[in-house]
Structures are given as C-alpha cells and as structure tokens.
C-alpha cells in the first residue's frame, strides 16, 4: 500500500514522462482504492457536514 501511495504522490508532483509504467499503474490503482475507501467511509456517516480521513503507514 505504501508503494502505491508514494507512486500517487510522485504522479501528483511530476508529469507522466517522469514516471515508470509501473509507477503509473500503481498511481491509478491508488486513485481507485482511495475513491472506494472514501465512498465506504462516508456511507454510514449520515448527515455529517464534514469528515476527515487520513492514511498513515504503520
């Protein structure tokens, strides 16, 4: 998971031409996983106006 997060961060800070194909693939997987986790996290919050989620390496 940490490798995917780092690939996403690198992709956000540089262009695709600076990344390997593997880094691009990991970054895309991170974006999909992030969206799925966010959707799941918000699903049971009800009428909350705001929420904050943080990803940390352990």
PDB file of N, CA and C in Angstrom:
ATOM      1  N   UNK A   1       0.827  -1.186   0.000  1.00  0.00           N
ATOM      2  CA  UNK A   1       0.000   0.000   0.000  1.00  0.00           C
ATOM      3  C   UNK A   1       0.873   1.251   0.000  1.00  0.00           C
ATOM      4  N   UNK A   2       1.941   1.224   0.749  1.00  0.00           N
ATOM      5  CA  UNK A   2       2.811   2.394   0.821  1.00  0.00           C
ATOM      6  C   UNK A   2       3.426   2.707  -0.540  1.00  0.00           C
ATOM      7  N   UNK A   3       3.783   1.691  -1.287  1.00  0.00           N
ATOM      8  CA  UNK A   3       4.348   1.908  -2.623  1.00  0.00           C
ATOM      9  C   UNK A   3       3.334   2.592  -3.541  1.00  0.00           C
ATOM     10  N   UNK A   4       2.076   2.196  -3.429  1.00  0.00           N
ATOM     11  CA  UNK A   4       1.023   2.810  -4.252  1.00  0.00           C
ATOM     12  C   UNK A   4       0.809   4.269  -3.859  1.00  0.00           C
ATOM     13  N   UNK A   5       0.812   4.560  -2.561  1.00  0.00           N
ATOM     14  CA  UNK A   5       0.662   5.940  -2.099  1.00  0.00           C
ATOM     15  C   UNK A   5       1.825   6.795  -2.604  1.00  0.00           C
ATOM     16  N   UNK A   6       3.033   6.285  -2.493  1.00  0.00           N
ATOM     17  CA  UNK A   6       4.201   7.051  -2.960  1.00  0.00           C
ATOM     18  C   UNK A   6       4.145   7.278  -4.473  1.00  0.00           C
ATOM     19  N   UNK A   7       3.713   6.282  -5.211  1.00  0.00           N
ATOM     20  CA  UNK A   7       3.584   6.433  -6.664  1.00  0.00           C
ATOM     21  C   UNK A   7       2.552   7.507  -6.987  1.00  0.00           C
ATOM     22  N   UNK A   8       1.447   7.524  -6.251  1.00  0.00           N
ATOM     23  CA  UNK A   8       0.421   8.536  -6.466  1.00  0.00           C
ATOM     24  C   UNK A   8       0.970   9.926  -6.149  1.00  0.00           C
ATOM     25  N   UNK A   9       1.689  10.051  -5.041  1.00  0.00           N
ATOM     26  CA  UNK A   9       2.280  11.337  -4.679  1.00  0.00           C
ATOM     27  C   UNK A   9       3.273  11.795  -5.740  1.00  0.00           C
ATOM     28  N   UNK A  10       4.102  10.884  -6.231  1.00  0.00           N
ATOM     29  CA  UNK A  10       5.061  11.234  -7.282  1.00  0.00           C
ATOM     30  C   UNK A  10       4.341  11.669  -8.554  1.00  0.00           C
ATOM     31  N   UNK A  11       3.257  10.976  -8.887  1.00  0.00           N
ATOM     32  CA  UNK A  11       2.488  11.326 -10.082  1.00  0.00           C
ATOM     33  C   UNK A  11       1.848  12.705  -9.927  1.00  0.00           C
ATOM     34  N   UNK A  12       1.436  13.035  -8.711  1.00  0.00           N
ATOM     35  CA  UNK A  12       0.818  14.336  -8.459  1.00  0.00           C
ATOM     36  C   UNK A  12       1.825  15.475  -8.572  1.00  0.00           C
ATOM     37  N   UNK A  13       3.087  15.169  -8.285  1.00  0.00           N
ATOM     38  CA  UNK A  13       4.127  16.202  -8.255  1.00  0.00           C
ATOM     39  C   UNK A  13       4.931  16.296  -9.543  1.00  0.00           C
ATOM     40  N   UNK A  14       4.759  15.360 -10.460  1.00  0.00           N
ATOM     41  CA  UNK A  14       5.532  15.381 -11.697  1.00  0.00           C
ATOM     42  C   UNK A  14       4.672  14.901 -12.856  1.00  0.00           C
ATOM     43  N   UNK A  15       5.212  14.963 -14.034  1.00  0.00           N
ATOM     44  CA  UNK A  15       4.480  14.526 -15.213  1.00  0.00           C
ATOM     45  C   UNK A  15       4.646  13.039 -15.454  1.00  0.00           C
ATOM     46  N   UNK A  16       3.768  12.493 -16.289  1.00  0.00           N
ATOM     47  CA  UNK A  16       3.831  11.065 -16.597  1.00  0.00           C
ATOM     48  C   UNK A  16       5.146  10.674 -17.251  1.00  0.00           C
ATOM     49  N   UNK A  17       5.763  11.602 -17.960  1.00  0.00           N
ATOM     50  CA  UNK A  17       7.020  11.277 -18.631  1.00  0.00           C
ATOM     51  C   UNK A  17       8.152  11.011 -17.636  1.00  0.00           C
ATOM     52  N   UNK A  18       7.990  11.466 -16.382  1.00  0.00           N
ATOM     53  CA  UNK A  18       9.000  11.253 -15.349  1.00  0.00           C
ATOM     54  C   UNK A  18       8.787   9.949 -14.579  1.00  0.00           C
ATOM     55  N   UNK A  19       7.699   9.234 -14.878  1.00  0.00           N
ATOM     56  CA  UNK A  19       7.344   8.036 -14.127  1.00  0.00           C
ATOM     57  C   UNK A  19       7.516   6.777 -14.971  1.00  0.00           C
ATOM     58  N   UNK A  20       7.756   5.671 -14.305  1.00  0.00           N
ATOM     59  CA  UNK A  20       7.804   4.389 -14.999  1.00  0.00           C
ATOM     60  C   UNK A  20       6.377   3.898 -15.229  1.00  0.00           C
ATOM     61  N   UNK A  21       6.230   2.923 -16.101  1.00  0.00           N
ATOM     62  CA  UNK A  21       4.902   2.347 -16.333  1.00  0.00           C
ATOM     63  C   UNK A  21       4.347   1.729 -15.056  1.00  0.00           C
ATOM     64  N   UNK A  22       5.214   1.117 -14.260  1.00  0.00           N
ATOM     65  CA  UNK A  22       4.777   0.503 -13.003  1.00  0.00           C
ATOM     66  C   UNK A  22       4.270   1.564 -12.028  1.00  0.00           C
ATOM     67  N   UNK A  23       4.953   2.714 -11.970  1.00  0.00           N
ATOM     68  CA  UNK A  23       4.513   3.798 -11.076  1.00  0.00           C
ATOM     69  C   UNK A  23       3.172   4.365 -11.524  1.00  0.00           C
ATOM     70  N   UNK A  24       2.996   4.492 -12.813  1.00  0.00           N
ATOM     71  CA  UNK A  24       1.720   4.992 -13.341  1.00  0.00           C
ATOM     72  C   UNK A  24       0.593   4.026 -12.987  1.00  0.00           C
ATOM     73  N   UNK A  25       0.848   2.737 -13.155  1.00  0.00           N
ATOM     74  CA  UNK A  25      -0.167   1.725 -12.834  1.00  0.00           C
ATOM     75  C   UNK A  25      -0.500   1.762 -11.341  1.00  0.00           C
ATOM     76  N   UNK A  26       0.517   1.878 -10.484  1.00  0.00           N
ATOM     77  CA  UNK A  26       0.269   1.955  -9.042  1.00  0.00           C
ATOM     78  C   UNK A  26      -0.515   3.208  -8.680  1.00  0.00           C
ATOM     79  N   UNK A  27      -0.171   4.328  -9.298  1.00  0.00           N
ATOM     80  CA  UNK A  27      -0.878   5.576  -9.018  1.00  0.00           C
ATOM     81  C   UNK A  27      -2.354   5.458  -9.390  1.00  0.00           C
ATOM     82  N   UNK A  28      -2.627   4.822 -10.508  1.00  0.00           N
ATOM     83  CA  UNK A  28      -4.019   4.642 -10.922  1.00  0.00           C
ATOM     84  C   UNK A  28      -4.760   3.721  -9.956  1.00  0.00           C
ATOM     85  N   UNK A  29      -4.072   2.669  -9.482  1.00  0.00           N
ATOM     86  CA  UNK A  29      -4.696   1.763  -8.506  1.00  0.00           C
ATOM     87  C   UNK A  29      -4.982   2.505  -7.209  1.00  0.00           C
ATOM     88  N   UNK A  30      -4.060   3.383  -6.791  1.00  0.00           N
ATOM     89  CA  UNK A  30      -4.264   4.157  -5.569  1.00  0.00           C
ATOM     90  C   UNK A  30      -5.508   5.037  -5.707  1.00  0.00           C
ATOM     91  N   UNK A  31      -5.645   5.704  -6.833  1.00  0.00           N
ATOM     92  CA  UNK A  31      -6.797   6.586  -7.041  1.00  0.00           C
ATOM     93  C   UNK A  31      -8.107   5.808  -6.936  1.00  0.00           C
ATOM     94  N   UNK A  32      -8.153   4.614  -7.514  1.00  0.00           N
ATOM     95  CA  UNK A  32      -9.366   3.786  -7.433  1.00  0.00           C
ATOM     96  C   UNK A  32      -9.626   3.328  -6.002  1.00  0.00           C
ATOM     97  N   UNK A  33      -8.574   2.904  -5.308  1.00  0.00           N
ATOM     98  CA  UNK A  33      -8.723   2.438  -3.926  1.00  0.00           C
ATOM     99  C   UNK A  33      -9.143   3.589  -3.015  1.00  0.00           C
ATOM    100  N   UNK A  34      -8.574   4.766  -3.246  1.00  0.00           N
ATOM    101  CA  UNK A  34      -8.927   5.950  -2.457  1.00  0.00           C
ATOM    102  C   UNK A  34     -10.412   6.273  -2.612  1.00  0.00           C
ATOM    103  N   UNK A  35     -10.882   6.264  -3.844  1.00  0.00           N
ATOM    104  CA  UNK A  35     -12.291   6.564  -4.103  1.00  0.00           C
ATOM    105  C   UNK A  35     -13.206   5.543  -3.440  1.00  0.00           C
ATOM    106  N   UNK A  36     -12.862   4.271  -3.515  1.00  0.00           N
ATOM    107  CA  UNK A  36     -13.676   3.221  -2.886  1.00  0.00           C
ATOM    108  C   UNK A  36     -13.683   3.376  -1.359  1.00  0.00           C
ATOM    109  N   UNK A  37     -12.532   3.688  -0.774  1.00  0.00           N
ATOM    110  CA  UNK A  37     -12.455   3.868   0.680  1.00  0.00           C
ATOM    111  C   UNK A  37     -13.241   5.097   1.124  1.00  0.00           C
ATOM    112  N   UNK A  38     -13.146   6.158   0.366  1.00  0.00           N
ATOM    113  CA  UNK A  38     -13.884   7.386   0.707  1.00  0.00           C
ATOM    114  C   UNK A  38     -15.388   7.138   0.642  1.00  0.00           C
ATOM    115  N   UNK A  39     -15.824   6.476  -0.409  1.00  0.00           N
ATOM    116  CA  UNK A  39     -17.252   6.169  -0.548  1.00  0.00           C
ATOM    117  C   UNK A  39     -17.731   5.306   0.617  1.00  0.00           C
ATOM    118  N   UNK A  40     -16.956   4.311   0.965  1.00  0.00           N
ATOM    119  CA  UNK A  40     -17.298   3.429   2.070  1.00  0.00           C
ATOM    120  C   UNK A  40     -17.306   4.177   3.397  1.00  0.00           C
ATOM    121  N   UNK A  41     -16.340   5.039   3.613  1.00  0.00           N
ATOM    122  CA  UNK A  41     -16.246   5.792   4.856  1.00  0.00           C
ATOM    123  C   UNK A  41     -17.394   6.764   5.047  1.00  0.00           C
ATOM    124  N   UNK A  42     -17.837   7.393   3.983  1.00  0.00           N
ATOM    125  CA  UNK A  42     -18.934   8.356   4.077  1.00  0.00           C
ATOM    126  C   UNK A  42     -20.306   7.692   4.125  1.00  0.00           C
ATOM    127  N   UNK A  43     -20.391   6.450   3.711  1.00  0.00           N
ATOM    128  CA  UNK A  43     -21.681   5.774   3.585  1.00  0.00           C
ATOM    129  C   UNK A  43     -22.479   5.785   4.885  1.00  0.00           C
ATOM    130  N   UNK A  44     -21.838   5.532   6.011  1.00  0.00           N
ATOM    131  CA  UNK A  44     -22.558   5.414   7.282  1.00  0.00           C
ATOM    132  C   UNK A  44     -22.470   6.652   8.164  1.00  0.00           C
ATOM    133  N   UNK A  45     -22.031   7.786   7.622  1.00  0.00           N
ATOM    134  CA  UNK A  45     -21.908   8.993   8.440  1.00  0.00           C
ATOM    135  C   UNK A  45     -23.214   9.755   8.587  1.00  0.00           C
ATOM    136  N   UNK A  46     -24.185   9.464   7.781  1.00  0.00           N
ATOM    137  CA  UNK A  46     -25.464  10.160   7.880  1.00  0.00           C
ATOM    138  C   UNK A  46     -25.358  11.574   7.342  1.00  0.00           C
ATOM    139  N   UNK A  47     -25.819  12.533   8.139  1.00  0.00           N
ATOM    140  CA  UNK A  47     -25.894  13.933   7.695  1.00  0.00           C
ATOM    141  C   UNK A  47     -24.695  14.764   8.124  1.00  0.00           C
ATOM    142  N   UNK A  48     -23.540  14.187   8.258  1.00  0.00           N
ATOM    143  CA  UNK A  48     -22.347  14.929   8.661  1.00  0.00           C
ATOM    144  C   UNK A  48     -21.980  15.953   7.587  1.00  0.00           C
ATOM    145  N   UNK A  49     -21.705  17.180   8.023  1.00  0.00           N
ATOM    146  CA  UNK A  49     -21.327  18.234   7.085  1.00  0.00           C
ATOM    147  C   UNK A  49     -19.892  18.057   6.584  1.00  0.00           C
ATOM    148  N   UNK A  50     -19.021  17.575   7.479  1.00  0.00           N
ATOM    149  CA  UNK A  50     -17.619  17.411   7.117  1.00  0.00           C
ATOM    150  C   UNK A  50     -17.063  16.155   7.756  1.00  0.00           C
ATOM    151  N   UNK A  51     -16.009  15.623   7.160  1.00  0.00           N
ATOM    152  CA  UNK A  51     -15.293  14.478   7.737  1.00  0.00           C
ATOM    153  C   UNK A  51     -13.864  14.532   7.230  1.00  0.00           C
ATOM    154  N   UNK A  52     -12.963  13.923   7.974  1.00  0.00           N
ATOM    155  CA  UNK A  52     -11.558  13.900   7.600  1.00  0.00           C
ATOM    156  C   UNK A  52     -11.032  12.489   7.744  1.00  0.00           C
ATOM    157  N   UNK A  53     -10.359  11.990   6.719  1.00  0.00           N
ATOM    158  CA  UNK A  53      -9.760  10.670   6.758  1.00  0.00           C
ATOM    159  C   UNK A  53      -8.272  10.820   6.451  1.00  0.00           C
ATOM    160  N   UNK A  54      -7.460  10.098   7.142  1.00  0.00           N
ATOM    161  CA  UNK A  54      -6.011  10.194   6.966  1.00  0.00           C
ATOM    162  C   UNK A  54      -5.434   8.806   6.764  1.00  0.00           C
ATOM    163  N   UNK A  55      -4.516   8.678   5.820  1.00  0.00           N
ATOM    164  CA  UNK A  55      -3.837   7.415   5.575  1.00  0.00           C
ATOM    165  C   UNK A  55      -2.439   7.517   6.175  1.00  0.00           C
ATOM    166  N   UNK A  56      -2.089   6.567   7.008  1.00  0.00           N
ATOM    167  CA  UNK A  56      -0.775   6.587   7.658  1.00  0.00           C
ATOM    168  C   UNK A  56      -0.103   5.238   7.492  1.00  0.00           C
ATOM    169  N   UNK A  57       1.185   5.262   7.314  1.00  0.00           N
ATOM    170  CA  UNK A  57       1.918   3.993   7.282  1.00  0.00           C
ATOM    171  C   UNK A  57       2.185   3.575   8.722  1.00  0.00           C
ATOM    172  N   UNK A  58       2.093   2.298   8.972  1.00  0.00           N
ATOM    173  CA  UNK A  58       2.254   1.784  10.343  1.00  0.00           C
ATOM    174  C   UNK A  58       3.501   0.937  10.422  1.00  0.00           C
TER     175      UNK A  58
END
